[in-house]
Amino acid sequence: MELDKPKLEHLIEHWVEHNDSHSKSFSEWAAKIEAAGYKEISEDIKMAAAKMDECSELLKKAKHKLE
């Protein structure tokens, strides 16, 4: 498999979009879970969303290095 710069950029963009989608879903569900009375579980899911955002930032940093 040949891995050129445009292909790598596209792959990283895909990963970031995928992570952003998961982060949004985690946050939405965390709010519902907290409203249902499961605050501790909600906090863990909020943390997962934050970690997903951190992952996206690292991917963006990697993509920036391609420029």
N, C-alpha and C. Protein backbone atom coordinates (compact mmCIF):
# COMPACT_ATOMS: atom_id res chain seq x y z
N MET A 1 0.85 -1.19 0.00
CA MET A 1 0.00 0.00 0.00
C MET A 1 0.89 1.24 0.00
N GLU A 2 0.67 2.08 -0.97
CA GLU A 2 1.41 3.33 -1.04
C GLU A 2 0.69 4.38 -0.22
N LEU A 3 1.45 5.05 0.61
CA LEU A 3 0.85 6.07 1.49
C LEU A 3 1.46 7.42 1.14
N ASP A 4 0.71 8.19 0.35
CA ASP A 4 1.20 9.51 -0.02
C ASP A 4 0.55 10.56 0.88
N LYS A 5 1.03 11.77 0.75
CA LYS A 5 0.59 12.87 1.60
C LYS A 5 -0.93 13.12 1.52
N PRO A 6 -1.51 13.23 0.32
CA PRO A 6 -2.96 13.45 0.25
C PRO A 6 -3.78 12.32 0.90
N LYS A 7 -3.32 11.10 0.73
CA LYS A 7 -4.04 9.97 1.32
C LYS A 7 -3.97 10.04 2.85
N LEU A 8 -2.80 10.39 3.37
CA LEU A 8 -2.62 10.50 4.81
C LEU A 8 -3.45 11.65 5.36
N GLU A 9 -3.47 12.78 4.66
CA GLU A 9 -4.30 13.92 5.09
C GLU A 9 -5.77 13.51 5.15
N HIS A 10 -6.23 12.81 4.13
CA HIS A 10 -7.61 12.35 4.09
C HIS A 10 -7.92 11.40 5.25
N LEU A 11 -7.02 10.50 5.51
CA LEU A 11 -7.20 9.54 6.60
C LEU A 11 -7.29 10.25 7.94
N ILE A 12 -6.40 11.18 8.18
CA ILE A 12 -6.42 11.92 9.45
C ILE A 12 -7.70 12.73 9.58
N GLU A 13 -8.13 13.38 8.50
CA GLU A 13 -9.38 14.13 8.52
C GLU A 13 -10.55 13.21 8.86
N HIS A 14 -10.56 12.04 8.29
CA HIS A 14 -11.62 11.06 8.57
C HIS A 14 -11.62 10.70 10.05
N TRP A 15 -10.45 10.43 10.61
CA TRP A 15 -10.36 10.08 12.03
C TRP A 15 -10.87 11.21 12.92
N VAL A 16 -10.52 12.45 12.57
CA VAL A 16 -10.97 13.59 13.37
C VAL A 16 -12.49 13.70 13.31
N GLU A 17 -13.06 13.59 12.12
CA GLU A 17 -14.52 13.64 11.98
C GLU A 17 -15.18 12.53 12.78
N HIS A 18 -14.61 11.35 12.71
CA HIS A 18 -15.15 10.20 13.44
C HIS A 18 -15.10 10.46 14.95
N ASN A 19 -13.96 10.95 15.43
CA ASN A 19 -13.84 11.26 16.85
C ASN A 19 -14.82 12.34 17.28
N ASP A 20 -14.96 13.38 16.45
CA ASP A 20 -15.88 14.47 16.78
C ASP A 20 -17.31 13.96 16.90
N SER A 21 -17.67 13.04 16.03
CA SER A 21 -19.00 12.45 16.08
C SER A 21 -19.20 11.67 17.38
N HIS A 22 -18.20 10.89 17.75
CA HIS A 22 -18.29 10.14 19.00
C HIS A 22 -18.34 11.08 20.20
N SER A 23 -17.50 12.09 20.21
CA SER A 23 -17.47 13.03 21.32
C SER A 23 -18.83 13.69 21.51
N LYS A 24 -19.43 14.11 20.41
CA LYS A 24 -20.76 14.74 20.48
C LYS A 24 -21.79 13.76 21.05
N SER A 25 -21.75 12.53 20.57
CA SER A 25 -22.67 11.52 21.06
C SER A 25 -22.46 11.24 22.55
N PHE A 26 -21.19 11.13 22.96
CA PHE A 26 -20.89 10.90 24.37
C PHE A 26 -21.46 12.03 25.23
N SER A 27 -21.26 13.26 24.78
CA SER A 27 -21.74 14.41 25.54
C SER A 27 -23.26 14.43 25.65
N GLU A 28 -23.92 14.13 24.54
CA GLU A 28 -25.39 14.09 24.56
C GLU A 28 -25.89 13.01 25.52
N TRP A 29 -25.27 11.84 25.45
CA TRP A 29 -25.68 10.76 26.32
C TRP A 29 -25.32 11.03 27.78
N ALA A 30 -24.21 11.68 28.01
CA ALA A 30 -23.82 12.02 29.39
C ALA A 30 -24.90 12.89 30.03
N ALA A 31 -25.43 13.85 29.28
CA ALA A 31 -26.48 14.71 29.81
C ALA A 31 -27.74 13.90 30.14
N LYS A 32 -28.11 12.99 29.27
CA LYS A 32 -29.29 12.15 29.51
C LYS A 32 -29.07 11.24 30.72
N ILE A 33 -27.88 10.69 30.81
CA ILE A 33 -27.57 9.77 31.91
C ILE A 33 -27.55 10.53 33.23
N GLU A 34 -27.01 11.73 33.22
CA GLU A 34 -27.00 12.53 34.45
C GLU A 34 -28.43 12.89 34.85
N ALA A 35 -29.26 13.26 33.88
CA ALA A 35 -30.66 13.59 34.15
C ALA A 35 -31.41 12.40 34.72
N ALA A 36 -30.97 11.19 34.37
CA ALA A 36 -31.61 9.97 34.88
C ALA A 36 -31.11 9.61 36.28
N GLY A 37 -30.18 10.42 36.80
CA GLY A 37 -29.73 10.20 38.17
C GLY A 37 -28.41 9.45 38.31
N TYR A 38 -27.71 9.26 37.24
CA TYR A 38 -26.45 8.52 37.27
C TYR A 38 -25.26 9.47 37.07
N LYS A 39 -25.09 10.39 38.03
CA LYS A 39 -24.08 11.44 37.90
C LYS A 39 -22.67 10.88 37.76
N GLU A 40 -22.30 9.89 38.57
CA GLU A 40 -20.94 9.34 38.50
C GLU A 40 -20.65 8.73 37.13
N ILE A 41 -21.62 8.01 36.61
CA ILE A 41 -21.45 7.40 35.28
C ILE A 41 -21.35 8.50 34.23
N SER A 42 -22.19 9.51 34.37
CA SER A 42 -22.16 10.65 33.45
C SER A 42 -20.79 11.31 33.44
N GLU A 43 -20.18 11.47 34.61
CA GLU A 43 -18.86 12.10 34.69
C GLU A 43 -17.82 11.29 33.92
N ASP A 44 -17.88 9.95 34.02
CA ASP A 44 -16.95 9.11 33.27
C ASP A 44 -17.14 9.27 31.76
N ILE A 45 -18.38 9.38 31.35
CA ILE A 45 -18.66 9.52 29.91
C ILE A 45 -18.23 10.91 29.43
N LYS A 46 -18.41 11.93 30.26
CA LYS A 46 -17.91 13.26 29.92
C LYS A 46 -16.38 13.24 29.77
N MET A 47 -15.73 12.50 30.65
CA MET A 47 -14.27 12.37 30.56
C MET A 47 -13.88 11.67 29.27
N ALA A 48 -14.63 10.65 28.88
CA ALA A 48 -14.36 9.96 27.62
C ALA A 48 -14.49 10.93 26.45
N ALA A 49 -15.50 11.80 26.49
CA ALA A 49 -15.67 12.81 25.43
C ALA A 49 -14.46 13.74 25.40
N ALA A 50 -13.99 14.15 26.56
CA ALA A 50 -12.83 15.04 26.62
C ALA A 50 -11.58 14.36 26.08
N LYS A 51 -11.41 13.09 26.38
CA LYS A 51 -10.26 12.34 25.87
C LYS A 51 -10.35 12.20 24.35
N MET A 52 -11.55 12.01 23.85
CA MET A 52 -11.74 11.92 22.40
C MET A 52 -11.36 13.24 21.75
N ASP A 53 -11.71 14.36 22.41
CA ASP A 53 -11.32 15.67 21.90
C ASP A 53 -9.80 15.84 21.92
N GLU A 54 -9.16 15.35 22.99
CA GLU A 54 -7.70 15.41 23.07
C GLU A 54 -7.07 14.61 21.91
N CYS A 55 -7.63 13.46 21.64
CA CYS A 55 -7.15 12.62 20.54
C CYS A 55 -7.27 13.37 19.22
N SER A 56 -8.38 14.04 19.00
CA SER A 56 -8.57 14.81 17.77
C SER A 56 -7.53 15.92 17.66
N GLU A 57 -7.21 16.57 18.76
CA GLU A 57 -6.20 17.63 18.74
C GLU A 57 -4.84 17.07 18.35
N LEU A 58 -4.50 15.89 18.84
CA LEU A 58 -3.23 15.26 18.47
C LEU A 58 -3.21 14.90 16.98
N LEU A 59 -4.34 14.43 16.49
CA LEU A 59 -4.43 14.11 15.06
C LEU A 59 -4.28 15.37 14.21
N LYS A 60 -4.91 16.46 14.64
CA LYS A 60 -4.79 17.73 13.92
C LYS A 60 -3.33 18.21 13.93
N LYS A 61 -2.66 18.00 15.05
CA LYS A 61 -1.25 18.38 15.15
C LYS A 61 -0.43 17.57 14.16
N ALA A 62 -0.73 16.29 14.07
CA ALA A 62 -0.02 15.41 13.12
C ALA A 62 -0.28 15.87 11.69
N LYS A 63 -1.52 16.20 11.38
CA LYS A 63 -1.87 16.66 10.03
C LYS A 63 -1.16 17.96 9.70
N HIS A 64 -1.08 18.83 10.67
CA HIS A 64 -0.41 20.12 10.47
C HIS A 64 1.07 19.90 10.08
N LYS A 65 1.66 18.87 10.58
CA LYS A 65 3.07 18.57 10.26
C LYS A 65 3.25 18.13 8.81
N LEU A 66 2.16 17.77 8.16
CA LEU A 66 2.23 17.39 6.75
C LEU A 66 2.30 18.62 5.84
N GLU A 67 1.90 19.76 6.37
CA GLU A 67 1.82 20.98 5.55
C GLU A 67 3.18 21.59 5.29
